[in-house]
Amino acid sequence: MDCLFCRIIAGEIPSKKAYEDDDILAFHDIAPQTPVHILVIPKVHIPSVDGITPDNAAIVAKIFAAIPKIAASAGLTNGYRVITNCGEDACQSVKHLHFHIMGGRKLPENMG
């Protein structure tokens, strides 16, 4: 298993968890770009947005249903941004579908 996020899910690499259930793990980014920077990942390996299929789309819906709860529990009551990168040109650094919840201050319009 060479996927960093799969190793975090397996408990091989520690993380500061923000949320967890049977299908989803959310944890604080180790190099935050904003005061609150949480990554939300499916526990099943999906390489990127391009890997979403009818068979695994329900987990993505579950992630988006959880994001507002995760953001609220992190104190993001005045707004936040949700970002995902897909592929090399978008600078996807870990080839495991993940969504960044970013906030805690006024974010610039061109950030993202």
N, C-alpha and C. Protein backbone atom coordinates (compact mmCIF):
# COMPACT_ATOMS: atom_id res chain seq x y z
N MET A 1 0.87 -1.18 0.00
CA MET A 1 0.00 0.00 0.00
C MET A 1 0.91 1.23 0.00
N ASP A 2 0.97 1.90 -1.13
CA ASP A 2 1.84 3.07 -1.22
C ASP A 2 1.05 4.38 -1.19
N CYS A 3 -0.25 4.32 -1.00
CA CYS A 3 -1.07 5.53 -0.92
C CYS A 3 -0.99 6.11 0.50
N LEU A 4 -0.53 7.34 0.59
CA LEU A 4 -0.39 8.01 1.88
C LEU A 4 -1.71 8.01 2.65
N PHE A 5 -2.80 8.35 2.00
CA PHE A 5 -4.08 8.44 2.70
C PHE A 5 -4.60 7.07 3.11
N CYS A 6 -4.35 6.05 2.31
CA CYS A 6 -4.74 4.69 2.71
C CYS A 6 -3.96 4.27 3.95
N ARG A 7 -2.72 4.69 4.05
CA ARG A 7 -1.90 4.38 5.23
C ARG A 7 -2.41 5.14 6.46
N ILE A 8 -2.89 6.37 6.26
CA ILE A 8 -3.50 7.11 7.37
C ILE A 8 -4.78 6.41 7.82
N ILE A 9 -5.61 5.99 6.88
CA ILE A 9 -6.85 5.28 7.20
C ILE A 9 -6.53 4.01 7.99
N ALA A 10 -5.49 3.30 7.59
CA ALA A 10 -5.10 2.05 8.25
C ALA A 10 -4.46 2.27 9.62
N GLY A 11 -4.17 3.53 9.97
CA GLY A 11 -3.56 3.83 11.25
C GLY A 11 -2.05 3.69 11.26
N GLU A 12 -1.45 3.48 10.08
CA GLU A 12 0.00 3.35 9.99
C GLU A 12 0.71 4.70 10.14
N ILE A 13 0.00 5.76 9.77
CA ILE A 13 0.52 7.12 9.89
C ILE A 13 -0.47 7.89 10.76
N PRO A 14 0.00 8.55 11.80
CA PRO A 14 -0.93 9.28 12.68
C PRO A 14 -1.52 10.51 11.99
N SER A 15 -2.70 10.88 12.45
CA SER A 15 -3.35 12.10 11.97
C SER A 15 -4.15 12.70 13.11
N LYS A 16 -4.42 13.99 12.99
CA LYS A 16 -5.28 14.67 13.96
C LYS A 16 -6.69 14.65 13.37
N LYS A 17 -7.49 13.71 13.85
CA LYS A 17 -8.82 13.49 13.28
C LYS A 17 -9.78 14.61 13.65
N ALA A 18 -10.59 14.98 12.66
CA ALA A 18 -11.66 15.96 12.87
C ALA A 18 -13.02 15.27 12.84
N TYR A 19 -13.10 14.11 12.16
CA TYR A 19 -14.35 13.38 12.01
C TYR A 19 -14.02 12.00 11.47
N GLU A 20 -14.80 11.02 11.89
CA GLU A 20 -14.65 9.68 11.33
C GLU A 20 -15.95 8.92 11.48
N ASP A 21 -16.28 8.16 10.44
CA ASP A 21 -17.36 7.19 10.52
C ASP A 21 -16.91 5.96 9.73
N ASP A 22 -17.81 5.06 9.43
CA ASP A 22 -17.43 3.82 8.74
C ASP A 22 -16.87 4.05 7.34
N ASP A 23 -17.26 5.16 6.69
CA ASP A 23 -16.91 5.39 5.29
C ASP A 23 -15.98 6.57 5.04
N ILE A 24 -15.87 7.47 6.01
CA ILE A 24 -15.20 8.76 5.80
C ILE A 24 -14.20 9.02 6.93
N LEU A 25 -13.10 9.64 6.57
CA LEU A 25 -12.15 10.15 7.56
C LEU A 25 -11.86 11.60 7.22
N ALA A 26 -11.90 12.46 8.23
CA ALA A 26 -11.51 13.86 8.06
C ALA A 26 -10.42 14.15 9.07
N PHE A 27 -9.36 14.81 8.61
CA PHE A 27 -8.24 15.11 9.49
C PHE A 27 -7.61 16.44 9.10
N HIS A 28 -6.91 17.04 10.05
CA HIS A 28 -6.28 18.34 9.84
C HIS A 28 -5.05 18.19 8.95
N ASP A 29 -4.94 19.08 7.98
CA ASP A 29 -3.79 19.09 7.06
C ASP A 29 -2.52 19.40 7.85
N ILE A 30 -1.43 18.69 7.54
CA ILE A 30 -0.17 18.92 8.27
C ILE A 30 0.54 20.20 7.81
N ALA A 31 0.13 20.75 6.68
CA ALA A 31 0.69 22.02 6.19
C ALA A 31 -0.47 22.95 5.82
N PRO A 32 -1.20 23.43 6.83
CA PRO A 32 -2.41 24.20 6.54
C PRO A 32 -2.13 25.50 5.79
N GLN A 33 -3.02 25.79 4.84
CA GLN A 33 -2.93 27.03 4.07
C GLN A 33 -3.86 28.10 4.62
N THR A 34 -4.73 27.72 5.53
CA THR A 34 -5.65 28.63 6.20
C THR A 34 -5.71 28.22 7.67
N PRO A 35 -6.25 29.07 8.55
CA PRO A 35 -6.30 28.69 9.96
C PRO A 35 -7.00 27.35 10.21
N VAL A 36 -8.03 27.06 9.46
CA VAL A 36 -8.67 25.74 9.50
C VAL A 36 -8.49 25.12 8.12
N HIS A 37 -7.85 23.96 8.09
CA HIS A 37 -7.60 23.26 6.82
C HIS A 37 -7.74 21.77 7.11
N ILE A 38 -8.88 21.23 6.75
CA ILE A 38 -9.21 19.83 7.03
C ILE A 38 -9.37 19.09 5.70
N LEU A 39 -8.82 17.89 5.64
CA LEU A 39 -8.98 17.02 4.48
C LEU A 39 -10.06 15.99 4.78
N VAL A 40 -10.95 15.77 3.82
CA VAL A 40 -12.01 14.77 3.97
C VAL A 40 -11.82 13.74 2.87
N ILE A 41 -11.70 12.47 3.28
CA ILE A 41 -11.41 11.41 2.32
C ILE A 41 -12.36 10.23 2.50
N PRO A 42 -12.64 9.52 1.40
CA PRO A 42 -13.35 8.26 1.56
C PRO A 42 -12.38 7.20 2.06
N LYS A 43 -12.87 6.26 2.85
CA LYS A 43 -12.00 5.19 3.33
C LYS A 43 -11.71 4.17 2.23
N VAL A 44 -12.53 4.12 1.24
CA VAL A 44 -12.26 3.27 0.07
C VAL A 44 -11.37 4.08 -0.88
N HIS A 45 -10.40 3.43 -1.48
CA HIS A 45 -9.48 4.16 -2.36
C HIS A 45 -10.16 4.49 -3.69
N ILE A 46 -10.28 5.78 -3.95
CA ILE A 46 -10.73 6.32 -5.24
C ILE A 46 -9.61 7.28 -5.64
N PRO A 47 -8.99 7.09 -6.81
CA PRO A 47 -7.81 7.88 -7.14
C PRO A 47 -8.04 9.39 -7.28
N SER A 48 -9.19 9.80 -7.78
CA SER A 48 -9.48 11.21 -8.00
C SER A 48 -10.93 11.36 -8.40
N VAL A 49 -11.34 12.56 -8.73
CA VAL A 49 -12.69 12.79 -9.23
C VAL A 49 -12.94 11.93 -10.47
N ASP A 50 -11.91 11.74 -11.28
CA ASP A 50 -12.06 10.90 -12.48
C ASP A 50 -12.38 9.45 -12.15
N GLY A 51 -12.15 9.03 -10.91
CA GLY A 51 -12.43 7.66 -10.50
C GLY A 51 -13.81 7.47 -9.90
N ILE A 52 -14.62 8.53 -9.87
CA ILE A 52 -15.97 8.41 -9.34
C ILE A 52 -16.84 7.72 -10.39
N THR A 53 -17.55 6.68 -9.94
CA THR A 53 -18.41 5.89 -10.83
C THR A 53 -19.79 5.77 -10.19
N PRO A 54 -20.76 5.24 -10.93
CA PRO A 54 -22.06 4.98 -10.30
C PRO A 54 -21.95 4.05 -9.09
N ASP A 55 -20.97 3.17 -9.09
CA ASP A 55 -20.81 2.23 -7.98
C ASP A 55 -20.27 2.87 -6.70
N ASN A 56 -19.51 3.97 -6.82
CA ASN A 56 -18.94 4.59 -5.60
C ASN A 56 -19.43 6.02 -5.37
N ALA A 57 -20.34 6.49 -6.19
CA ALA A 57 -20.81 7.88 -6.06
C ALA A 57 -21.52 8.15 -4.74
N ALA A 58 -22.10 7.14 -4.14
CA ALA A 58 -22.82 7.34 -2.88
C ALA A 58 -21.86 7.81 -1.78
N ILE A 59 -20.62 7.36 -1.79
CA ILE A 59 -19.67 7.78 -0.78
C ILE A 59 -19.35 9.27 -0.94
N VAL A 60 -19.31 9.74 -2.17
CA VAL A 60 -19.06 11.17 -2.41
C VAL A 60 -20.25 11.99 -1.90
N ALA A 61 -21.45 11.50 -2.13
CA ALA A 61 -22.64 12.18 -1.59
C ALA A 61 -22.58 12.20 -0.07
N LYS A 62 -22.14 11.11 0.54
CA LYS A 62 -22.03 11.05 2.00
C LYS A 62 -20.99 12.05 2.50
N ILE A 63 -19.89 12.18 1.76
CA ILE A 63 -18.87 13.16 2.14
C ILE A 63 -19.46 14.57 2.12
N PHE A 64 -20.19 14.89 1.07
CA PHE A 64 -20.76 16.24 0.98
C PHE A 64 -21.86 16.47 2.00
N ALA A 65 -22.53 15.43 2.46
CA ALA A 65 -23.49 15.59 3.54
C ALA A 65 -22.77 15.82 4.87
N ALA A 66 -21.56 15.27 5.02
CA ALA A 66 -20.80 15.42 6.26
C ALA A 66 -20.03 16.74 6.33
N ILE A 67 -19.66 17.30 5.20
CA ILE A 67 -18.82 18.50 5.19
C ILE A 67 -19.40 19.64 6.03
N PRO A 68 -20.69 19.99 5.91
CA PRO A 68 -21.19 21.08 6.75
C PRO A 68 -21.06 20.80 8.26
N LYS A 69 -21.25 19.56 8.66
CA LYS A 69 -21.10 19.20 10.07
C LYS A 69 -19.65 19.32 10.51
N ILE A 70 -18.73 18.86 9.66
CA ILE A 70 -17.30 18.95 9.97
C ILE A 70 -16.88 20.41 10.08
N ALA A 71 -17.33 21.22 9.12
CA ALA A 71 -16.99 22.65 9.13
C ALA A 71 -17.54 23.33 10.38
N ALA A 72 -18.78 23.04 10.73
CA ALA A 72 -19.38 23.66 11.92
C ALA A 72 -18.64 23.24 13.18
N SER A 73 -18.27 21.98 13.27
CA SER A 73 -17.56 21.53 14.48
C SER A 73 -16.16 22.14 14.57
N ALA A 74 -15.62 22.59 13.44
CA ALA A 74 -14.31 23.26 13.42
C ALA A 74 -14.45 24.77 13.64
N GLY A 75 -15.69 25.24 13.85
CA GLY A 75 -15.91 26.65 14.12
C GLY A 75 -16.07 27.52 12.89
N LEU A 76 -16.26 26.92 11.75
CA LEU A 76 -16.39 27.70 10.51
C LEU A 76 -17.84 28.13 10.33
N THR A 77 -18.24 29.14 11.09
CA THR A 77 -19.63 29.60 11.08
C THR A 77 -19.88 30.75 10.11
N ASN A 78 -18.81 31.31 9.54
CA ASN A 78 -18.97 32.45 8.64
C ASN A 78 -18.56 32.11 7.21
N GLY A 79 -18.48 30.84 6.92
CA GLY A 79 -18.16 30.40 5.57
C GLY A 79 -16.85 29.63 5.49
N TYR A 80 -16.70 28.91 4.40
CA TYR A 80 -15.52 28.09 4.15
C TYR A 80 -15.50 27.73 2.67
N ARG A 81 -14.39 27.20 2.24
CA ARG A 81 -14.23 26.77 0.85
C ARG A 81 -13.98 25.27 0.82
N VAL A 82 -14.54 24.60 -0.19
CA VAL A 82 -14.29 23.18 -0.41
C VAL A 82 -13.61 23.05 -1.76
N ILE A 83 -12.43 22.42 -1.76
CA ILE A 83 -11.61 22.33 -2.96
C ILE A 83 -11.17 20.89 -3.17
N THR A 84 -11.12 20.47 -4.43
CA THR A 84 -10.47 19.21 -4.77
C THR A 84 -9.66 19.42 -6.04
N ASN A 85 -8.56 18.71 -6.14
CA ASN A 85 -7.71 18.77 -7.33
C ASN A 85 -7.80 17.42 -8.03
N CYS A 86 -7.74 17.46 -9.35
CA CYS A 86 -7.86 16.24 -10.13
C CYS A 86 -6.77 16.21 -11.19
N GLY A 87 -5.77 15.37 -10.97
CA GLY A 87 -4.72 15.17 -11.97
C GLY A 87 -3.53 16.08 -11.84
N GLU A 88 -2.56 15.82 -12.70
CA GLU A 88 -1.27 16.51 -12.66
C GLU A 88 -1.39 18.02 -12.87
N ASP A 89 -2.15 18.45 -13.86
CA ASP A 89 -2.25 19.88 -14.15
C ASP A 89 -2.91 20.66 -13.01
N ALA A 90 -3.69 19.97 -12.20
CA ALA A 90 -4.33 20.61 -11.05
C ALA A 90 -3.50 20.46 -9.78
N CYS A 91 -2.32 19.85 -9.92
CA CYS A 91 -1.39 19.65 -8.79
C CYS A 91 -1.97 18.74 -7.71
N GLN A 92 -2.65 17.67 -8.13
CA GLN A 92 -3.12 16.69 -7.16
C GLN A 92 -1.91 15.96 -6.60
N SER A 93 -1.60 16.19 -5.33
CA SER A 93 -0.37 15.66 -4.75
C SER A 93 -0.52 14.24 -4.22
N VAL A 94 -1.71 13.86 -3.77
CA VAL A 94 -1.95 12.50 -3.30
C VAL A 94 -3.05 11.92 -4.18
N LYS A 95 -2.77 10.79 -4.78
CA LYS A 95 -3.71 10.17 -5.72
C LYS A 95 -4.77 9.35 -4.98
N HIS A 96 -5.48 10.03 -4.11
CA HIS A 96 -6.62 9.47 -3.36
C HIS A 96 -7.60 10.63 -3.26
N LEU A 97 -8.81 10.43 -3.73
CA LEU A 97 -9.82 11.49 -3.72
C LEU A 97 -9.87 12.15 -2.34
N HIS A 98 -9.76 13.47 -2.34
CA HIS A 98 -9.85 14.21 -1.08
C HIS A 98 -10.38 15.61 -1.34
N PHE A 99 -11.05 16.11 -0.32
CA PHE A 99 -11.63 17.44 -0.38
C PHE A 99 -11.04 18.27 0.75
N HIS A 100 -10.59 19.46 0.42
CA HIS A 100 -10.05 20.39 1.41
C HIS A 100 -11.18 21.28 1.90
N ILE A 101 -11.37 21.34 3.22
CA ILE A 101 -12.24 22.33 3.84
C ILE A 101 -11.31 23.41 4.36
N MET A 102 -11.46 24.62 3.85
CA MET A 102 -10.54 25.70 4.21
C MET A 102 -11.31 26.91 4.68
N GLY A 103 -10.86 27.50 5.78
CA GLY A 103 -11.53 28.69 6.29
C GLY A 103 -10.84 29.19 7.54
N GLY A 104 -11.59 29.96 8.30
CA GLY A 104 -11.06 30.54 9.52
C GLY A 104 -10.62 31.99 9.35
N ARG A 105 -10.73 32.50 8.16
CA ARG A 105 -10.45 33.90 7.85
C ARG A 105 -11.09 34.21 6.49
N LYS A 106 -11.15 35.47 6.15
CA LYS A 106 -11.65 35.87 4.83
C LYS A 106 -10.68 35.36 3.78
N LEU A 107 -11.17 34.56 2.85
CA LEU A 107 -10.31 33.99 1.81
C LEU A 107 -10.31 34.85 0.56
N PRO A 108 -9.16 34.95 -0.11
CA PRO A 108 -9.12 35.73 -1.33
C PRO A 108 -9.92 35.05 -2.43
N GLU A 109 -10.50 35.87 -3.30
CA GLU A 109 -11.30 35.32 -4.39
C GLU A 109 -10.50 34.43 -5.32
N ASN A 110 -9.22 34.74 -5.54
CA ASN A 110 -8.42 33.98 -6.51
C ASN A 110 -7.74 32.77 -5.91
N MET A 111 -7.97 32.50 -4.64
CA MET A 111 -7.40 31.31 -4.01
C MET A 111 -8.28 30.12 -4.32
N GLY A 112 -7.68 29.04 -4.69
CA GLY A 112 -8.55 27.89 -4.88
C GLY A 112 -8.03 26.94 -5.83
